[in-house]
Amino acid sequence: MQALATVVVDVGDVPVALSTGDPALAAVLQRRFHRFLTPSAAPAFHFDISVIPDGDDTGDRDEDLQVRAEGGLWRLRRGDFRAEWDPETRRGWIHQRLSPYAADSVLRIVHTLLLSRARGFLLHASSVVRNGRAFLFTGPSGVGKTTIARLAPDDAVVLTDEISYVRQVGGRYMAYGTPFAGELSDSGEPVSAPVAAVFGLAWAADPSHERLAEGAAVQMLMRNILFFAADPALTADLLETACDFADAVPAFRLAFAPDARVWATIQ
């Protein structure tokens, strides 16, 4: 019997253990999450992972993601994985193809479920810490989230160029680094900082910004918050959190060109 290898991936101060008896998958997970591994942390949750053998063509590789609650369990499936998670026992399993993307996706989904009840969310946004404050940059693909992270000054720390992790802690909203990277693929740093502002991005010849009204800020957030389950109660919780966040954190529309001068506008 192959010995189990376990990696503990800590995102947002929530360590999750991933155990597998497949050495190739263990190596893949080590590489994918290397900056966020905390072997000494006590896991909040634990997943056992098995690998779909090569040549096993059962199932539809192009199957869309499904996330549903059933009998107190969360059941997740997509063309490249099947998973089940019990939030009460804090245990789950993943049966996946040999790639980093299945476990990565399961972690994203689990964190969205946890955050929906904890005054938090995952936001389709890059985020950067400078002078002890976090700045979030949100919008659809192609609007410049990775570009603005690349333009950050040398004294800035990029938390992510793709998926930002936000949670209320001690009455203020904090942004955490994530391994859920986009084009930079290795951008996340395991640090956190209070959120100073959130910016909805747009392209323009010269940088400019305007403050958004609270209602417009909530709409911007809800368009870009990641949530995968068709659950009305949790969706209502997310809307309440988005309203609270918009009340607590200034939001702006930021028009910019790919020029480092934009950071003078941000600061």
Protein backbone atom coordinates (compact mmCIF):
# COMPACT_ATOMS: atom_id res chain seq x y z
CA MET A 1 0.00 0.00 0.00
CA GLN A 2 1.36 3.38 -1.02
CA ALA A 3 2.14 5.68 1.93
CA LEU A 4 0.02 8.81 2.16
CA ALA A 5 1.58 12.20 1.54
CA THR A 6 -0.14 15.23 3.05
CA VAL A 7 0.21 18.89 2.20
CA VAL A 8 -1.47 21.57 4.33
CA VAL A 9 -2.54 24.58 2.28
CA ASP A 10 -3.25 27.71 4.35
CA VAL A 11 -5.32 30.39 2.62
CA GLY A 12 -6.94 33.12 4.69
CA ASP A 13 -5.71 31.54 7.94
CA VAL A 14 -7.76 28.41 7.15
CA PRO A 15 -5.37 25.42 6.81
CA VAL A 16 -6.73 22.58 4.65
CA ALA A 17 -4.96 19.20 4.52
CA LEU A 18 -4.79 17.36 1.19
CA SER A 19 -3.71 13.71 1.47
CA THR A 20 -2.93 11.37 -1.40
CA GLY A 21 -1.22 8.04 -1.97
CA ASP A 22 -0.16 9.09 -5.47
CA PRO A 23 3.44 10.44 -5.45
CA ALA A 24 2.99 12.25 -8.78
CA LEU A 25 -0.06 14.13 -7.50
CA ALA A 26 1.70 14.93 -4.21
CA ALA A 27 4.50 16.56 -6.22
CA VAL A 28 1.98 18.50 -8.31
CA LEU A 29 0.27 19.84 -5.18
CA GLN A 30 3.61 20.80 -3.62
CA ARG A 31 4.49 22.86 -6.69
CA ARG A 32 1.07 24.43 -7.09
CA PHE A 33 0.72 25.64 -3.50
CA HIS A 34 4.38 25.95 -2.47
CA ARG A 35 4.11 29.44 -0.95
CA PHE A 36 1.05 28.52 1.07
CA LEU A 37 2.19 25.26 2.64
CA THR A 38 2.16 25.17 6.46
CA PRO A 39 3.09 21.63 7.51
CA SER A 40 2.94 22.41 11.24
CA ALA A 41 -0.57 23.93 11.15
CA ALA A 42 -3.52 22.01 12.58
CA PRO A 43 -5.87 21.52 9.60
CA ALA A 44 -9.35 22.99 9.83
CA PHE A 45 -10.48 20.55 7.12
CA HIS A 46 -9.09 17.40 5.50
CA PHE A 47 -9.51 15.94 2.01
CA ASP A 48 -8.37 12.52 0.83
CA ILE A 49 -7.50 12.59 -2.88
CA SER A 50 -7.38 9.69 -5.32
CA VAL A 51 -6.35 9.89 -8.98
CA ILE A 52 -8.42 8.79 -11.97
CA PRO A 53 -6.21 6.26 -13.80
CA ASP A 54 -4.82 7.03 -17.24
CA GLY A 55 -7.05 5.63 -19.93
CA ASP A 56 -10.20 5.86 -17.81
CA ASP A 57 -12.57 7.66 -20.15
CA THR A 58 -15.68 7.24 -18.04
CA GLY A 59 -17.54 10.46 -17.54
CA ASP A 60 -17.70 13.60 -19.64
CA ARG A 61 -14.42 15.54 -19.60
CA ASP A 62 -16.33 18.67 -20.67
CA GLU A 63 -18.99 18.42 -17.96
CA ASP A 64 -19.79 21.79 -16.41
CA LEU A 65 -19.27 22.45 -12.72
CA GLN A 66 -22.05 21.39 -10.36
CA VAL A 67 -22.16 22.33 -6.67
CA ARG A 68 -25.09 21.17 -4.58
CA ALA A 69 -26.03 20.49 -0.97
CA GLU A 70 -27.53 17.08 -0.25
CA GLY A 71 -28.18 15.47 3.12
CA GLY A 72 -25.84 17.82 4.96
CA LEU A 73 -23.02 17.20 2.46
CA TRP A 74 -21.68 19.33 -0.33
CA ARG A 75 -21.24 17.41 -3.59
CA LEU A 76 -19.01 18.91 -6.28
CA ARG A 77 -18.37 17.61 -9.76
CA ARG A 78 -16.84 18.71 -13.04
CA GLY A 79 -15.37 16.90 -16.03
CA ASP A 80 -12.02 16.47 -14.27
CA PHE A 81 -13.14 15.66 -10.71
CA ARG A 82 -15.77 14.42 -8.29
CA ALA A 83 -15.71 15.57 -4.66
CA GLU A 84 -17.70 15.43 -1.47
CA TRP A 85 -17.31 17.55 1.67
CA ASP A 86 -18.95 17.29 5.07
CA PRO A 87 -18.70 20.64 6.92
CA GLU A 88 -19.72 19.00 10.21
CA THR A 89 -17.01 16.31 10.31
CA ARG A 90 -14.61 18.60 8.42
CA ARG A 91 -13.70 15.73 6.11
CA GLY A 92 -14.04 15.19 2.40
CA TRP A 93 -12.68 13.36 -0.62
CA ILE A 94 -11.68 14.23 -4.17
CA HIS A 95 -11.40 11.82 -7.10
CA GLN A 96 -9.60 13.69 -9.84
CA ARG A 97 -7.39 13.58 -12.88
CA LEU A 98 -3.65 14.15 -12.44
CA SER A 99 -3.46 17.94 -12.62
CA PRO A 100 -3.25 20.84 -10.16
CA TYR A 101 -6.50 22.37 -11.34
CA ALA A 102 -9.02 20.01 -9.77
CA ALA A 103 -7.76 20.38 -6.17
CA ASP A 104 -7.31 24.11 -6.80
CA SER A 105 -10.95 24.38 -7.90
CA VAL A 106 -12.23 22.38 -4.92
CA LEU A 107 -10.33 24.66 -2.55
CA ARG A 108 -11.82 27.74 -4.21
CA ILE A 109 -15.34 26.33 -3.91
CA VAL A 110 -14.91 25.30 -0.27
CA HIS A 111 -13.56 28.73 0.63
CA THR A 112 -16.53 30.46 -1.04
CA LEU A 113 -18.89 28.35 1.06
CA LEU A 114 -16.99 29.09 4.26
CA LEU A 115 -16.67 32.80 3.55
CA SER A 116 -20.37 33.24 2.74
CA ARG A 117 -21.11 32.65 6.44
CA ALA A 118 -18.10 34.58 7.74
CA ARG A 119 -18.56 38.11 6.35
CA GLY A 120 -16.26 37.41 3.43
CA PHE A 121 -15.97 36.46 -0.22
CA LEU A 122 -13.64 35.54 -3.05
CA LEU A 123 -13.53 38.38 -5.56
CA HIS A 124 -12.45 38.21 -9.19
CA ALA A 125 -9.78 40.82 -8.55
CA SER A 126 -6.07 41.37 -8.25
CA SER A 127 -4.88 42.80 -4.95
CA VAL A 128 -1.72 44.57 -3.88
CA VAL A 129 -0.41 45.68 -0.47
CA ARG A 130 1.51 48.93 -0.22
CA ASN A 131 2.39 50.85 2.94
CA GLY A 132 0.44 48.35 5.03
CA ARG A 133 -2.82 48.79 3.09
CA ALA A 134 -4.46 46.50 0.53
CA PHE A 135 -5.91 47.75 -2.76
CA LEU A 136 -8.30 45.58 -4.79
CA PHE A 137 -8.76 45.85 -8.57
CA THR A 138 -11.81 44.12 -9.96
CA GLY A 139 -13.54 43.61 -13.28
CA PRO A 140 -14.07 41.04 -16.04
CA SER A 141 -11.24 39.22 -17.79
CA GLY A 142 -9.14 41.48 -20.01
CA VAL A 143 -9.81 44.69 -18.11
CA GLY A 144 -6.29 44.97 -16.65
CA LYS A 145 -6.18 43.18 -13.28
CA THR A 146 -2.89 41.45 -14.05
CA THR A 147 -1.50 44.56 -15.76
CA ILE A 148 -2.05 46.79 -12.75
CA ALA A 149 -0.41 44.17 -10.50
CA ARG A 150 2.61 44.09 -12.83
CA LEU A 151 2.84 47.89 -12.67
CA ALA A 152 2.94 47.94 -8.87
CA PRO A 153 6.01 49.71 -7.37
CA ASP A 154 8.95 47.70 -6.10
CA ASP A 155 7.91 48.24 -2.48
CA ALA A 156 4.48 46.68 -3.08
CA VAL A 157 3.48 43.06 -2.42
CA VAL A 158 1.15 41.33 -4.88
CA LEU A 159 -1.40 39.18 -3.04
CA THR A 160 -2.89 37.78 -6.25
CA ASP A 161 -3.48 38.75 -9.87
CA GLU A 162 -6.72 36.80 -10.18
CA ILE A 163 -8.75 35.83 -7.08
CA SER A 164 -8.75 38.02 -3.96
CA TYR A 165 -9.68 36.64 -0.54
CA VAL A 166 -11.55 39.12 1.67
CA ARG A 167 -12.90 38.57 5.18
CA GLN A 168 -14.01 40.74 8.08
CA VAL A 169 -11.71 40.39 11.07
CA GLY A 170 -12.10 42.45 14.23
CA GLY A 171 -14.57 44.81 12.61
CA ARG A 172 -12.49 45.61 9.51
CA TYR A 173 -12.09 43.92 6.15
CA MET A 174 -8.80 42.18 5.46
CA ALA A 175 -7.34 40.97 2.16
CA TYR A 176 -5.23 37.80 2.12
CA GLY A 177 -2.81 36.45 -0.42
CA THR A 178 -3.98 33.43 -2.41
CA PRO A 179 -2.39 30.77 -4.62
CA PHE A 180 -5.33 31.16 -7.01
CA ALA A 181 -3.27 32.87 -9.71
CA GLY A 182 -4.03 34.01 -13.25
CA GLU A 183 -1.54 34.99 -15.93
CA LEU A 184 1.28 35.57 -13.44
CA SER A 185 0.71 31.96 -12.30
CA ASP A 186 2.94 32.35 -9.22
CA SER A 187 1.92 35.74 -7.93
CA GLY A 188 0.36 35.17 -4.53
CA GLU A 189 2.16 35.97 -1.28
CA PRO A 190 0.93 34.58 2.08
CA VAL A 191 0.44 37.94 3.78
CA SER A 192 -2.59 40.06 4.68
CA ALA A 193 -3.51 43.72 5.20
CA PRO A 194 -6.62 45.83 5.84
CA VAL A 195 -8.47 46.84 2.68
CA ALA A 196 -8.07 50.55 1.93
CA ALA A 197 -10.10 50.71 -1.31
CA VAL A 198 -11.56 48.70 -4.17
CA PHE A 199 -11.33 49.84 -7.79
CA GLY A 200 -13.45 48.83 -10.76
CA LEU A 201 -11.10 48.94 -13.74
CA ALA A 202 -11.49 50.39 -17.22
CA TRP A 203 -9.02 51.31 -19.97
CA ALA A 204 -8.30 54.97 -20.82
CA ALA A 205 -5.46 57.05 -22.31
CA ASP A 206 -4.88 58.92 -19.03
CA PRO A 207 -5.49 57.66 -15.50
CA SER A 208 -8.49 59.03 -13.64
CA HIS A 209 -10.82 57.91 -10.90
CA GLU A 210 -14.23 58.70 -9.48
CA ARG A 211 -15.86 57.65 -6.23
CA LEU A 212 -18.76 55.24 -6.63
CA ALA A 213 -22.00 55.58 -4.73
CA GLU A 214 -22.68 52.73 -2.33
CA GLY A 215 -25.35 51.16 -4.55
CA ALA A 216 -23.05 51.18 -7.57
CA ALA A 217 -20.27 49.66 -5.44
CA VAL A 218 -22.55 46.81 -4.34
CA GLN A 219 -23.50 46.10 -7.95
CA MET A 220 -19.83 46.04 -8.96
CA LEU A 221 -18.99 43.64 -6.14
CA MET A 222 -21.88 41.27 -6.83
CA ARG A 223 -20.92 41.05 -10.51
CA ASN A 224 -17.42 39.92 -9.54
CA ILE A 225 -17.86 37.85 -6.36
CA LEU A 226 -17.23 34.15 -7.01
CA PHE A 227 -19.94 31.80 -5.82
CA PHE A 228 -20.72 28.43 -7.34
CA ALA A 229 -23.70 27.04 -5.40
CA ALA A 230 -27.32 27.76 -6.25
CA ASP A 231 -28.20 28.39 -2.61
CA PRO A 232 -30.58 31.31 -1.92
CA ALA A 233 -29.70 31.59 1.79
CA LEU A 234 -25.96 31.79 1.18
CA THR A 235 -26.50 34.20 -1.72
CA ALA A 236 -28.48 36.45 0.61
CA ASP A 237 -25.61 36.32 3.10
CA LEU A 238 -23.21 37.38 0.34
CA LEU A 239 -25.42 40.30 -0.63
CA GLU A 240 -25.54 41.44 2.99
CA THR A 241 -21.75 41.22 3.19
CA ALA A 242 -21.33 43.15 -0.07
CA CYS A 243 -23.55 45.93 1.30
CA ASP A 244 -21.58 46.05 4.55
CA PHE A 245 -18.26 46.07 2.66
CA ALA A 246 -19.45 48.91 0.39
CA ASP A 247 -20.42 50.91 3.47
CA ALA A 248 -17.04 50.33 5.13
CA VAL A 249 -14.59 50.51 2.20
CA PRO A 250 -14.43 53.30 -0.43
CA ALA A 251 -14.99 52.12 -4.01
CA PHE A 252 -13.87 53.86 -7.19
CA ARG A 253 -14.04 53.53 -10.93
CA LEU A 254 -10.42 53.66 -12.12
CA ALA A 255 -9.62 54.34 -15.77
CA PHE A 256 -5.97 53.74 -16.60
CA ALA A 257 -3.40 53.11 -19.31
CA PRO A 258 -0.62 50.52 -18.89
CA ASP A 259 1.71 53.02 -17.27
CA ALA A 260 3.18 52.98 -13.76
CA ARG A 261 1.88 56.54 -13.24
CA VAL A 262 -1.46 55.01 -12.35
CA TRP A 263 -0.08 54.15 -8.90
CA ALA A 264 0.15 57.84 -8.06
CA THR A 265 -3.61 57.99 -8.65
CA ILE A 266 -4.19 54.90 -6.53
CA GLN A 267 -2.20 56.19 -3.56
